[in-house]
């Protein structure tokens, strides 16, 4: 979740008003509270592969509470976390290189 917030905050290097995007990403945190099984296929794919909020809480807890039902997906949680951290760092670093200061 922190990596998603860092990526959203890094858009401030390119977008003058990035607050609505920060609010949108912040609201995805609410979806992390629900089990992935309540979503249909498209949203489950979105919340597992595109915006992996399912790896924040659902898949690790599923592995702890029901290890026989978890399959292999919960084991990807550390890799997804490292991958999104790396991606957020790259977006932030690119923004910092672009930034020219406030002009004062």
PDB file of N, CA and C in Angstrom:
ATOM      1  N   UNK A   1       0.831  -1.186   0.000  1.00  0.00           N
ATOM      2  CA  UNK A   1       0.000   0.000   0.000  1.00  0.00           C
ATOM      3  C   UNK A   1       0.873   1.245   0.000  1.00  0.00           C
ATOM      4  N   UNK A   2       1.971   1.183   0.723  1.00  0.00           N
ATOM      5  CA  UNK A   2       2.884   2.329   0.761  1.00  0.00           C
ATOM      6  C   UNK A   2       3.477   2.576  -0.617  1.00  0.00           C
ATOM      7  N   UNK A   3       3.815   1.514  -1.323  1.00  0.00           N
ATOM      8  CA  UNK A   3       4.371   1.675  -2.669  1.00  0.00           C
ATOM      9  C   UNK A   3       3.357   2.319  -3.602  1.00  0.00           C
ATOM     10  N   UNK A   4       2.097   1.934  -3.492  1.00  0.00           N
ATOM     11  CA  UNK A   4       1.064   2.556  -4.314  1.00  0.00           C
ATOM     12  C   UNK A   4       0.914   4.033  -3.977  1.00  0.00           C
ATOM     13  N   UNK A   5       0.960   4.362  -2.698  1.00  0.00           N
ATOM     14  CA  UNK A   5       0.853   5.763  -2.288  1.00  0.00           C
ATOM     15  C   UNK A   5       2.063   6.577  -2.744  1.00  0.00           C
ATOM     16  N   UNK A   6       3.257   5.981  -2.701  1.00  0.00           N
ATOM     17  CA  UNK A   6       4.458   6.681  -3.174  1.00  0.00           C
ATOM     18  C   UNK A   6       4.364   6.945  -4.673  1.00  0.00           C
ATOM     19  N   UNK A   7       3.875   5.951  -5.431  1.00  0.00           N
ATOM     20  CA  UNK A   7       3.715   6.160  -6.871  1.00  0.00           C
ATOM     21  C   UNK A   7       2.692   7.262  -7.152  1.00  0.00           C
ATOM     22  N   UNK A   8       1.608   7.263  -6.408  1.00  0.00           N
ATOM     23  CA  UNK A   8       0.596   8.309  -6.601  1.00  0.00           C
ATOM     24  C   UNK A   8       1.144   9.673  -6.204  1.00  0.00           C
ATOM     25  N   UNK A   9       1.897   9.741  -5.123  1.00  0.00           N
ATOM     26  CA  UNK A   9       2.470  11.011  -4.697  1.00  0.00           C
ATOM     27  C   UNK A   9       3.545  11.488  -5.667  1.00  0.00           C
ATOM     28  N   UNK A  10       4.232  10.558  -6.301  1.00  0.00           N
ATOM     29  CA  UNK A  10       5.281  10.928  -7.256  1.00  0.00           C
ATOM     30  C   UNK A  10       4.718  11.588  -8.505  1.00  0.00           C
ATOM     31  N   UNK A  11       3.445  11.409  -8.760  1.00  0.00           N
ATOM     32  CA  UNK A  11       2.852  12.069  -9.924  1.00  0.00           C
ATOM     33  C   UNK A  11       2.818  13.589  -9.755  1.00  0.00           C
ATOM     34  N   UNK A  12       3.053  14.061  -8.541  1.00  0.00           N
ATOM     35  CA  UNK A  12       3.092  15.508  -8.311  1.00  0.00           C
ATOM     36  C   UNK A  12       4.256  16.156  -9.052  1.00  0.00           C
ATOM     37  N   UNK A  13       5.243  15.381  -9.462  1.00  0.00           N
ATOM     38  CA  UNK A  13       6.332  15.929 -10.268  1.00  0.00           C
ATOM     39  C   UNK A  13       5.862  16.305 -11.667  1.00  0.00           C
ATOM     40  N   UNK A  14       4.793  15.663 -12.131  1.00  0.00           N
ATOM     41  CA  UNK A  14       4.295  15.910 -13.487  1.00  0.00           C
ATOM     42  C   UNK A  14       2.933  16.597 -13.502  1.00  0.00           C
ATOM     43  N   UNK A  15       2.105  16.313 -12.496  1.00  0.00           N
ATOM     44  CA  UNK A  15       0.742  16.836 -12.436  1.00  0.00           C
ATOM     45  C   UNK A  15       0.695  17.928 -11.374  1.00  0.00           C
ATOM     46  N   UNK A  16       0.076  19.044 -11.715  1.00  0.00           N
ATOM     47  CA  UNK A  16       0.014  20.161 -10.769  1.00  0.00           C
ATOM     48  C   UNK A  16      -0.828  19.798  -9.553  1.00  0.00           C
ATOM     49  N   UNK A  17      -1.994  19.198  -9.767  1.00  0.00           N
ATOM     50  CA  UNK A  17      -2.868  18.841  -8.656  1.00  0.00           C
ATOM     51  C   UNK A  17      -3.023  17.326  -8.625  1.00  0.00           C
ATOM     52  N   UNK A  18      -2.163  16.655  -7.900  1.00  0.00           N
ATOM     53  CA  UNK A  18      -2.206  15.193  -7.824  1.00  0.00           C
ATOM     54  C   UNK A  18      -3.008  14.693  -6.631  1.00  0.00           C
ATOM     55  N   UNK A  19      -3.624  15.593  -5.879  1.00  0.00           N
ATOM     56  CA  UNK A  19      -4.373  15.185  -4.696  1.00  0.00           C
ATOM     57  C   UNK A  19      -5.534  14.236  -5.019  1.00  0.00           C
ATOM     58  N   UNK A  20      -6.315  14.459  -6.101  1.00  0.00           N
ATOM     59  CA  UNK A  20      -7.391  13.500  -6.402  1.00  0.00           C
ATOM     60  C   UNK A  20      -6.869  12.077  -6.662  1.00  0.00           C
ATOM     61  N   UNK A  21      -5.722  11.969  -7.288  1.00  0.00           N
ATOM     62  CA  UNK A  21      -5.145  10.648  -7.514  1.00  0.00           C
ATOM     63  C   UNK A  21      -4.716  10.016  -6.193  1.00  0.00           C
ATOM     64  N   UNK A  22      -4.165  10.801  -5.288  1.00  0.00           N
ATOM     65  CA  UNK A  22      -3.806  10.289  -3.963  1.00  0.00           C
ATOM     66  C   UNK A  22      -5.040   9.803  -3.209  1.00  0.00           C
ATOM     67  N   UNK A  23      -6.126  10.545  -3.333  1.00  0.00           N
ATOM     68  CA  UNK A  23      -7.361  10.136  -2.667  1.00  0.00           C
ATOM     69  C   UNK A  23      -7.895   8.835  -3.266  1.00  0.00           C
ATOM     70  N   UNK A  24      -7.803   8.686  -4.581  1.00  0.00           N
ATOM     71  CA  UNK A  24      -8.265   7.469  -5.237  1.00  0.00           C
ATOM     72  C   UNK A  24      -7.455   6.267  -4.770  1.00  0.00           C
ATOM     73  N   UNK A  25      -6.153   6.394  -4.753  1.00  0.00           N
ATOM     74  CA  UNK A  25      -5.300   5.291  -4.299  1.00  0.00           C
ATOM     75  C   UNK A  25      -5.539   5.014  -2.814  1.00  0.00           C
ATOM     76  N   UNK A  26      -5.752   6.062  -2.039  1.00  0.00           N
ATOM     77  CA  UNK A  26      -6.044   5.878  -0.615  1.00  0.00           C
ATOM     78  C   UNK A  26      -7.336   5.116  -0.379  1.00  0.00           C
ATOM     79  N   UNK A  27      -8.291   5.282  -1.268  1.00  0.00           N
ATOM     80  CA  UNK A  27      -9.564   4.567  -1.114  1.00  0.00           C
ATOM     81  C   UNK A  27      -9.443   3.093  -1.475  1.00  0.00           C
ATOM     82  N   UNK A  28      -8.419   2.736  -2.229  1.00  0.00           N
ATOM     83  CA  UNK A  28      -8.204   1.318  -2.507  1.00  0.00           C
ATOM     84  C   UNK A  28      -7.893   0.553  -1.221  1.00  0.00           C
ATOM     85  N   UNK A  29      -7.416   1.260  -0.232  1.00  0.00           N
ATOM     86  CA  UNK A  29      -7.142   0.626   1.058  1.00  0.00           C
ATOM     87  C   UNK A  29      -8.416   0.036   1.648  1.00  0.00           C
ATOM     88  N   UNK A  30      -9.565   0.678   1.378  1.00  0.00           N
ATOM     89  CA  UNK A  30     -10.835   0.147   1.866  1.00  0.00           C
ATOM     90  C   UNK A  30     -11.149  -1.211   1.253  1.00  0.00           C
ATOM     91  N   UNK A  31     -10.777  -1.404  -0.020  1.00  0.00           N
ATOM     92  CA  UNK A  31     -11.040  -2.678  -0.671  1.00  0.00           C
ATOM     93  C   UNK A  31     -10.144  -3.793  -0.134  1.00  0.00           C
ATOM     94  N   UNK A  32      -9.048  -3.450   0.481  1.00  0.00           N
ATOM     95  CA  UNK A  32      -8.157  -4.465   1.051  1.00  0.00           C
ATOM     96  C   UNK A  32      -8.784  -5.134   2.271  1.00  0.00           C
ATOM     97  N   UNK A  33      -9.816  -4.557   2.805  1.00  0.00           N
ATOM     98  CA  UNK A  33     -10.471  -5.131   3.986  1.00  0.00           C
ATOM     99  C   UNK A  33     -11.379  -6.305   3.646  1.00  0.00           C
ATOM    100  N   UNK A  34     -11.774  -6.401   2.392  1.00  0.00           N
ATOM    101  CA  UNK A  34     -12.739  -7.415   1.988  1.00  0.00           C
ATOM    102  C   UNK A  34     -12.026  -8.623   1.392  1.00  0.00           C
ATOM    103  N   UNK A  35     -12.636  -9.801   1.551  1.00  0.00           N
ATOM    104  CA  UNK A  35     -12.027 -10.989   0.930  1.00  0.00           C
ATOM    105  C   UNK A  35     -12.139 -10.909  -0.589  1.00  0.00           C
ATOM    106  N   UNK A  36     -11.150 -11.415  -1.264  1.00  0.00           N
ATOM    107  CA  UNK A  36     -11.137 -11.367  -2.722  1.00  0.00           C
ATOM    108  C   UNK A  36     -12.236 -12.240  -3.321  1.00  0.00           C
ATOM    109  N   UNK A  37     -12.739 -13.174  -2.557  1.00  0.00           N
ATOM    110  CA  UNK A  37     -13.754 -14.079  -3.078  1.00  0.00           C
ATOM    111  C   UNK A  37     -15.099 -13.396  -3.308  1.00  0.00           C
ATOM    112  N   UNK A  38     -15.326 -12.195  -2.755  1.00  0.00           N
ATOM    113  CA  UNK A  38     -16.599 -11.516  -2.984  1.00  0.00           C
ATOM    114  C   UNK A  38     -16.615 -10.773  -4.317  1.00  0.00           C
ATOM    115  N   UNK A  39     -15.465 -10.581  -4.935  1.00  0.00           N
ATOM    116  CA  UNK A  39     -15.395  -9.871  -6.202  1.00  0.00           C
ATOM    117  C   UNK A  39     -15.535 -10.853  -7.360  1.00  0.00           C
ATOM    118  N   UNK A  40     -16.073 -10.357  -8.475  1.00  0.00           N
ATOM    119  CA  UNK A  40     -16.158 -11.212  -9.653  1.00  0.00           C
ATOM    120  C   UNK A  40     -14.792 -11.295 -10.333  1.00  0.00           C
ATOM    121  N   UNK A  41     -14.709 -12.001 -11.433  1.00  0.00           N
ATOM    122  CA  UNK A  41     -13.430 -12.284 -12.084  1.00  0.00           C
ATOM    123  C   UNK A  41     -12.647 -11.061 -12.496  1.00  0.00           C
ATOM    124  N   UNK A  42     -13.322 -10.049 -13.060  1.00  0.00           N
ATOM    125  CA  UNK A  42     -12.612  -8.860 -13.532  1.00  0.00           C
ATOM    126  C   UNK A  42     -12.011  -8.081 -12.367  1.00  0.00           C
ATOM    127  N   UNK A  43     -12.790  -7.878 -11.312  1.00  0.00           N
ATOM    128  CA  UNK A  43     -12.268  -7.139 -10.162  1.00  0.00           C
ATOM    129  C   UNK A  43     -11.223  -7.958  -9.406  1.00  0.00           C
ATOM    130  N   UNK A  44     -11.393  -9.258  -9.355  1.00  0.00           N
ATOM    131  CA  UNK A  44     -10.399 -10.100  -8.703  1.00  0.00           C
ATOM    132  C   UNK A  44      -9.060 -10.009  -9.448  1.00  0.00           C
ATOM    133  N   UNK A  45      -9.120 -10.001 -10.786  1.00  0.00           N
ATOM    134  CA  UNK A  45      -7.901  -9.833 -11.577  1.00  0.00           C
ATOM    135  C   UNK A  45      -7.306  -8.447 -11.342  1.00  0.00           C
ATOM    136  N   UNK A  46      -8.160  -7.406 -11.322  1.00  0.00           N
ATOM    137  CA  UNK A  46      -7.690  -6.038 -11.097  1.00  0.00           C
ATOM    138  C   UNK A  46      -7.009  -5.906  -9.745  1.00  0.00           C
ATOM    139  N   UNK A  47      -7.630  -6.460  -8.706  1.00  0.00           N
ATOM    140  CA  UNK A  47      -7.098  -6.320  -7.354  1.00  0.00           C
ATOM    141  C   UNK A  47      -6.020  -7.343  -7.016  1.00  0.00           C
ATOM    142  N   UNK A  48      -5.726  -8.243  -7.931  1.00  0.00           N
ATOM    143  CA  UNK A  48      -4.643  -9.199  -7.712  1.00  0.00           C
ATOM    144  C   UNK A  48      -3.448  -8.939  -8.607  1.00  0.00           C
ATOM    145  N   UNK A  49      -3.683  -8.495  -9.832  1.00  0.00           N
ATOM    146  CA  UNK A  49      -2.593  -8.359 -10.792  1.00  0.00           C
ATOM    147  C   UNK A  49      -2.255  -6.912 -11.119  1.00  0.00           C
ATOM    148  N   UNK A  50      -3.245  -6.080 -11.344  1.00  0.00           N
ATOM    149  CA  UNK A  50      -2.979  -4.700 -11.771  1.00  0.00           C
ATOM    150  C   UNK A  50      -2.678  -3.813 -10.567  1.00  0.00           C
ATOM    151  N   UNK A  51      -3.589  -3.785  -9.617  1.00  0.00           N
ATOM    152  CA  UNK A  51      -3.408  -3.044  -8.362  1.00  0.00           C
ATOM    153  C   UNK A  51      -3.477  -4.091  -7.252  1.00  0.00           C
ATOM    154  N   UNK A  52      -2.353  -4.650  -6.861  1.00  0.00           N
ATOM    155  CA  UNK A  52      -2.374  -5.862  -6.027  1.00  0.00           C
ATOM    156  C   UNK A  52      -2.706  -5.624  -4.554  1.00  0.00           C
ATOM    157  N   UNK A  53      -3.902  -5.094  -4.301  1.00  0.00           N
ATOM    158  CA  UNK A  53      -4.285  -4.889  -2.909  1.00  0.00           C
ATOM    159  C   UNK A  53      -4.676  -6.196  -2.229  1.00  0.00           C
ATOM    160  N   UNK A  54      -4.945  -7.228  -3.012  1.00  0.00           N
ATOM    161  CA  UNK A  54      -5.233  -8.528  -2.414  1.00  0.00           C
ATOM    162  C   UNK A  54      -4.038  -9.100  -1.674  1.00  0.00           C
ATOM    163  N   UNK A  55      -2.840  -8.670  -2.075  1.00  0.00           N
ATOM    164  CA  UNK A  55      -1.627  -9.159  -1.424  1.00  0.00           C
ATOM    165  C   UNK A  55      -1.306  -8.402  -0.140  1.00  0.00           C
ATOM    166  N   UNK A  56      -2.054  -7.336   0.143  1.00  0.00           N
ATOM    167  CA  UNK A  56      -1.826  -6.583   1.373  1.00  0.00           C
ATOM    168  C   UNK A  56      -2.303  -7.386   2.569  1.00  0.00           C
ATOM    169  N   UNK A  57      -3.507  -7.914   2.497  1.00  0.00           N
ATOM    170  CA  UNK A  57      -4.051  -8.623   3.640  1.00  0.00           C
ATOM    171  C   UNK A  57      -4.667  -9.962   3.279  1.00  0.00           C
ATOM    172  N   UNK A  58      -5.437 -10.019   2.198  1.00  0.00           N
ATOM    173  CA  UNK A  58      -6.242 -11.223   1.953  1.00  0.00           C
ATOM    174  C   UNK A  58      -5.404 -12.470   1.742  1.00  0.00           C
ATOM    175  N   UNK A  59      -4.492 -12.452   0.797  1.00  0.00           N
ATOM    176  CA  UNK A  59      -3.741 -13.671   0.492  1.00  0.00           C
ATOM    177  C   UNK A  59      -2.855 -14.133   1.651  1.00  0.00           C
ATOM    178  N   UNK A  60      -2.151 -13.242   2.351  1.00  0.00           N
ATOM    179  CA  UNK A  60      -1.387 -13.726   3.518  1.00  0.00           C
ATOM    180  C   UNK A  60      -2.271 -14.282   4.629  1.00  0.00           C
ATOM    181  N   UNK A  61      -3.418 -13.646   4.889  1.00  0.00           N
ATOM    182  CA  UNK A  61      -4.316 -14.140   5.936  1.00  0.00           C
ATOM    183  C   UNK A  61      -4.963 -15.451   5.496  1.00  0.00           C
ATOM    184  N   UNK A  62      -5.290 -15.552   4.222  1.00  0.00           N
ATOM    185  CA  UNK A  62      -5.835 -16.801   3.689  1.00  0.00           C
ATOM    186  C   UNK A  62      -4.843 -17.944   3.898  1.00  0.00           C
ATOM    187  N   UNK A  63      -3.581 -17.658   3.701  1.00  0.00           N
ATOM    188  CA  UNK A  63      -2.553 -18.671   3.897  1.00  0.00           C
ATOM    189  C   UNK A  63      -2.446 -19.067   5.374  1.00  0.00           C
ATOM    190  N   UNK A  64      -2.579 -18.086   6.283  1.00  0.00           N
ATOM    191  CA  UNK A  64      -2.488 -18.389   7.714  1.00  0.00           C
ATOM    192  C   UNK A  64      -3.707 -19.133   8.236  1.00  0.00           C
ATOM    193  N   UNK A  65      -4.906 -18.714   7.821  1.00  0.00           N
ATOM    194  CA  UNK A  65      -6.124 -19.303   8.360  1.00  0.00           C
ATOM    195  C   UNK A  65      -6.531 -20.594   7.655  1.00  0.00           C
ATOM    196  N   UNK A  66      -6.325 -20.650   6.357  1.00  0.00           N
ATOM    197  CA  UNK A  66      -6.727 -21.820   5.572  1.00  0.00           C
ATOM    198  C   UNK A  66      -5.593 -22.233   4.644  1.00  0.00           C
ATOM    199  N   UNK A  67      -4.526 -22.786   5.177  1.00  0.00           N
ATOM    200  CA  UNK A  67      -3.380 -23.123   4.320  1.00  0.00           C
ATOM    201  C   UNK A  67      -3.704 -24.158   3.247  1.00  0.00           C
ATOM    202  N   UNK A  68      -4.703 -24.989   3.483  1.00  0.00           N
ATOM    203  CA  UNK A  68      -5.059 -25.997   2.489  1.00  0.00           C
ATOM    204  C   UNK A  68      -5.775 -25.393   1.282  1.00  0.00           C
ATOM    205  N   UNK A  69      -6.372 -24.201   1.436  1.00  0.00           N
ATOM    206  CA  UNK A  69      -7.097 -23.560   0.339  1.00  0.00           C
ATOM    207  C   UNK A  69      -6.288 -22.485  -0.364  1.00  0.00           C
ATOM    208  N   UNK A  70      -5.166 -22.127   0.191  1.00  0.00           N
ATOM    209  CA  UNK A  70      -4.407 -20.994  -0.320  1.00  0.00           C
ATOM    210  C   UNK A  70      -3.747 -21.206  -1.663  1.00  0.00           C
ATOM    211  N   UNK A  71      -3.305 -22.387  -1.935  1.00  0.00           N
ATOM    212  CA  UNK A  71      -2.591 -22.626  -3.183  1.00  0.00           C
ATOM    213  C   UNK A  71      -1.231 -21.956  -3.171  1.00  0.00           C
ATOM    214  N   UNK A  72      -0.779 -21.533  -4.329  1.00  0.00           N
ATOM    215  CA  UNK A  72       0.558 -20.957  -4.464  1.00  0.00           C
ATOM    216  C   UNK A  72       0.548 -19.423  -4.422  1.00  0.00           C
ATOM    217  N   UNK A  73      -0.615 -18.818  -4.592  1.00  0.00           N
ATOM    218  CA  UNK A  73      -0.699 -17.352  -4.693  1.00  0.00           C
ATOM    219  C   UNK A  73      -0.141 -16.630  -3.464  1.00  0.00           C
ATOM    220  N   UNK A  74      -0.413 -17.053  -2.227  1.00  0.00           N
ATOM    221  CA  UNK A  74       0.124 -16.308  -1.078  1.00  0.00           C
ATOM    222  C   UNK A  74       1.648 -16.234  -1.033  1.00  0.00           C
ATOM    223  N   UNK A  75       2.314 -17.172  -1.656  1.00  0.00           N
ATOM    224  CA  UNK A  75       3.776 -17.160  -1.644  1.00  0.00           C
ATOM    225  C   UNK A  75       4.347 -16.052  -2.527  1.00  0.00           C
ATOM    226  N   UNK A  76       3.515 -15.485  -3.386  1.00  0.00           N
ATOM    227  CA  UNK A  76       3.963 -14.387  -4.237  1.00  0.00           C
ATOM    228  C   UNK A  76       3.905 -13.036  -3.536  1.00  0.00           C
ATOM    229  N   UNK A  77       3.309 -12.955  -2.354  1.00  0.00           N
ATOM    230  CA  UNK A  77       3.151 -11.680  -1.651  1.00  0.00           C
ATOM    231  C   UNK A  77       4.481 -10.955  -1.435  1.00  0.00           C
ATOM    232  N   UNK A  78       5.547 -11.611  -0.965  1.00  0.00           N
ATOM    233  CA  UNK A  78       6.815 -10.879  -0.817  1.00  0.00           C
ATOM    234  C   UNK A  78       7.374 -10.393  -2.155  1.00  0.00           C
ATOM    235  N   UNK A  79       7.227 -11.198  -3.196  1.00  0.00           N
ATOM    236  CA  UNK A  79       7.715 -10.782  -4.516  1.00  0.00           C
ATOM    237  C   UNK A  79       6.929  -9.594  -5.063  1.00  0.00           C
ATOM    238  N   UNK A  80       5.623  -9.619  -4.867  1.00  0.00           N
ATOM    239  CA  UNK A  80       4.786  -8.500  -5.309  1.00  0.00           C
ATOM    240  C   UNK A  80       5.158  -7.247  -4.533  1.00  0.00           C
ATOM    241  N   UNK A  81       5.383  -7.370  -3.234  1.00  0.00           N
ATOM    242  CA  UNK A  81       5.780  -6.221  -2.420  1.00  0.00           C
ATOM    243  C   UNK A  81       7.108  -5.630  -2.865  1.00  0.00           C
ATOM    244  N   UNK A  82       8.077  -6.484  -3.105  1.00  0.00           N
ATOM    245  CA  UNK A  82       9.389  -6.013  -3.565  1.00  0.00           C
ATOM    246  C   UNK A  82       9.280  -5.398  -4.948  1.00  0.00           C
ATOM    247  N   UNK A  83       8.489  -6.018  -5.811  1.00  0.00           N
ATOM    248  CA  UNK A  83       8.311  -5.483  -7.160  1.00  0.00           C
ATOM    249  C   UNK A  83       7.649  -4.115  -7.163  1.00  0.00           C
ATOM    250  N   UNK A  84       6.595  -3.951  -6.370  1.00  0.00           N
ATOM    251  CA  UNK A  84       5.932  -2.649  -6.328  1.00  0.00           C
ATOM    252  C   UNK A  84       6.785  -1.604  -5.629  1.00  0.00           C
ATOM    253  N   UNK A  85       7.571  -2.001  -4.632  1.00  0.00           N
ATOM    254  CA  UNK A  85       8.492  -1.053  -4.021  1.00  0.00           C
ATOM    255  C   UNK A  85       9.509  -0.576  -5.051  1.00  0.00           C
ATOM    256  N   UNK A  86      10.051  -1.506  -5.833  1.00  0.00           N
ATOM    257  CA  UNK A  86      11.033  -1.145  -6.859  1.00  0.00           C
ATOM    258  C   UNK A  86      10.416  -0.231  -7.909  1.00  0.00           C
ATOM    259  N   UNK A  87       9.200  -0.544  -8.330  1.00  0.00           N
ATOM    260  CA  UNK A  87       8.515   0.293  -9.314  1.00  0.00           C
ATOM    261  C   UNK A  87       8.239   1.690  -8.761  1.00  0.00           C
ATOM    262  N   UNK A  88       7.810   1.770  -7.513  1.00  0.00           N
ATOM    263  CA  UNK A  88       7.552   3.085  -6.922  1.00  0.00           C
ATOM    264  C   UNK A  88       8.841   3.878  -6.765  1.00  0.00           C
ATOM    265  N   UNK A  89       9.935   3.205  -6.451  1.00  0.00           N
ATOM    266  CA  UNK A  89      11.223   3.892  -6.357  1.00  0.00           C
ATOM    267  C   UNK A  89      11.655   4.444  -7.714  1.00  0.00           C
ATOM    268  N   UNK A  90      11.452   3.650  -8.773  1.00  0.00           N
ATOM    269  CA  UNK A  90      11.816   4.113 -10.114  1.00  0.00           C
ATOM    270  C   UNK A  90      10.978   5.317 -10.542  1.00  0.00           C
ATOM    271  N   UNK A  91       9.677   5.293 -10.246  1.00  0.00           N
ATOM    272  CA  UNK A  91       8.812   6.435 -10.588  1.00  0.00           C
ATOM    273  C   UNK A  91       9.239   7.664  -9.806  1.00  0.00           C
ATOM    274  N   UNK A  92       9.514   7.488  -8.512  1.00  0.00           N
ATOM    275  CA  UNK A  92       9.945   8.614  -7.686  1.00  0.00           C
ATOM    276  C   UNK A  92      11.290   9.164  -8.168  1.00  0.00           C
ATOM    277  N   UNK A  93      12.243   8.274  -8.466  1.00  0.00           N
ATOM    278  CA  UNK A  93      13.573   8.709  -8.910  1.00  0.00           C
ATOM    279  C   UNK A  93      13.491   9.447 -10.243  1.00  0.00           C
ATOM    280  N   UNK A  94      12.636   8.975 -11.138  1.00  0.00           N
ATOM    281  CA  UNK A  94      12.470   9.675 -12.419  1.00  0.00           C
ATOM    282  C   UNK A  94      11.865  11.061 -12.208  1.00  0.00           C
ATOM    283  N   UNK A  95      10.926  11.153 -11.284  1.00  0.00           N
ATOM    284  CA  UNK A  95      10.333  12.452 -10.969  1.00  0.00           C
ATOM    285  C   UNK A  95      11.333  13.403 -10.347  1.00  0.00           C
ATOM    286  N   UNK A  96      12.188  12.903  -9.478  1.00  0.00           N
ATOM    287  CA  UNK A  96      13.202  13.746  -8.839  1.00  0.00           C
ATOM    288  C   UNK A  96      14.200  14.266  -9.876  1.00  0.00           C
ATOM    289  N   UNK A  97      14.569  13.426 -10.839  1.00  0.00           N
ATOM    290  CA  UNK A  97      15.464  13.884 -11.906  1.00  0.00           C
ATOM    291  C   UNK A  97      14.819  14.958 -12.758  1.00  0.00           C
ATOM    292  N   UNK A  98      13.520  14.901 -12.926  1.00  0.00           N
ATOM    293  CA  UNK A  98      12.797  15.872 -13.740  1.00  0.00           C
ATOM    294  C   UNK A  98      12.567  17.187 -13.007  1.00  0.00           C
ATOM    295  N   UNK A  99      12.481  17.121 -11.696  1.00  0.00           N
ATOM    296  CA  UNK A  99      12.100  18.272 -10.894  1.00  0.00           C
ATOM    297  C   UNK A  99      13.179  19.357 -10.982  1.00  0.00           C
ATOM    298  N   UNK A 100      12.749  20.576 -11.203  1.00  0.00           N
ATOM    299  CA  UNK A 100      13.691  21.685 -11.334  1.00  0.00           C
ATOM    300  C   UNK A 100      13.665  22.644 -10.167  1.00  0.00           C
ATOM    301  N   UNK A 101      12.907  22.363  -9.153  1.00  0.00           N
ATOM    302  CA  UNK A 101      12.804  23.253  -8.008  1.00  0.00           C
ATOM    303  C   UNK A 101      11.571  24.132  -8.096  1.00  0.00           C
ATOM    304  N   UNK A 102      11.403  24.975  -7.103  1.00  0.00           N
ATOM    305  CA  UNK A 102      10.224  25.834  -7.067  1.00  0.00           C
ATOM    306  C   UNK A 102      10.470  27.175  -7.730  1.00  0.00           C
ATOM    307  N   UNK A 103      11.677  27.446  -8.094  1.00  0.00           N
ATOM    308  CA  UNK A 103      11.974  28.695  -8.775  1.00  0.00           C
ATOM    309  C   UNK A 103      12.332  29.839  -7.842  1.00  0.00           C
ATOM    310  N   UNK A 104      12.444  29.561  -6.556  1.00  0.00           N
ATOM    311  CA  UNK A 104      12.790  30.655  -5.624  1.00  0.00           C
ATOM    312  C   UNK A 104      14.252  30.599  -5.265  1.00  0.00           C
TER     313      UNK A 104
END
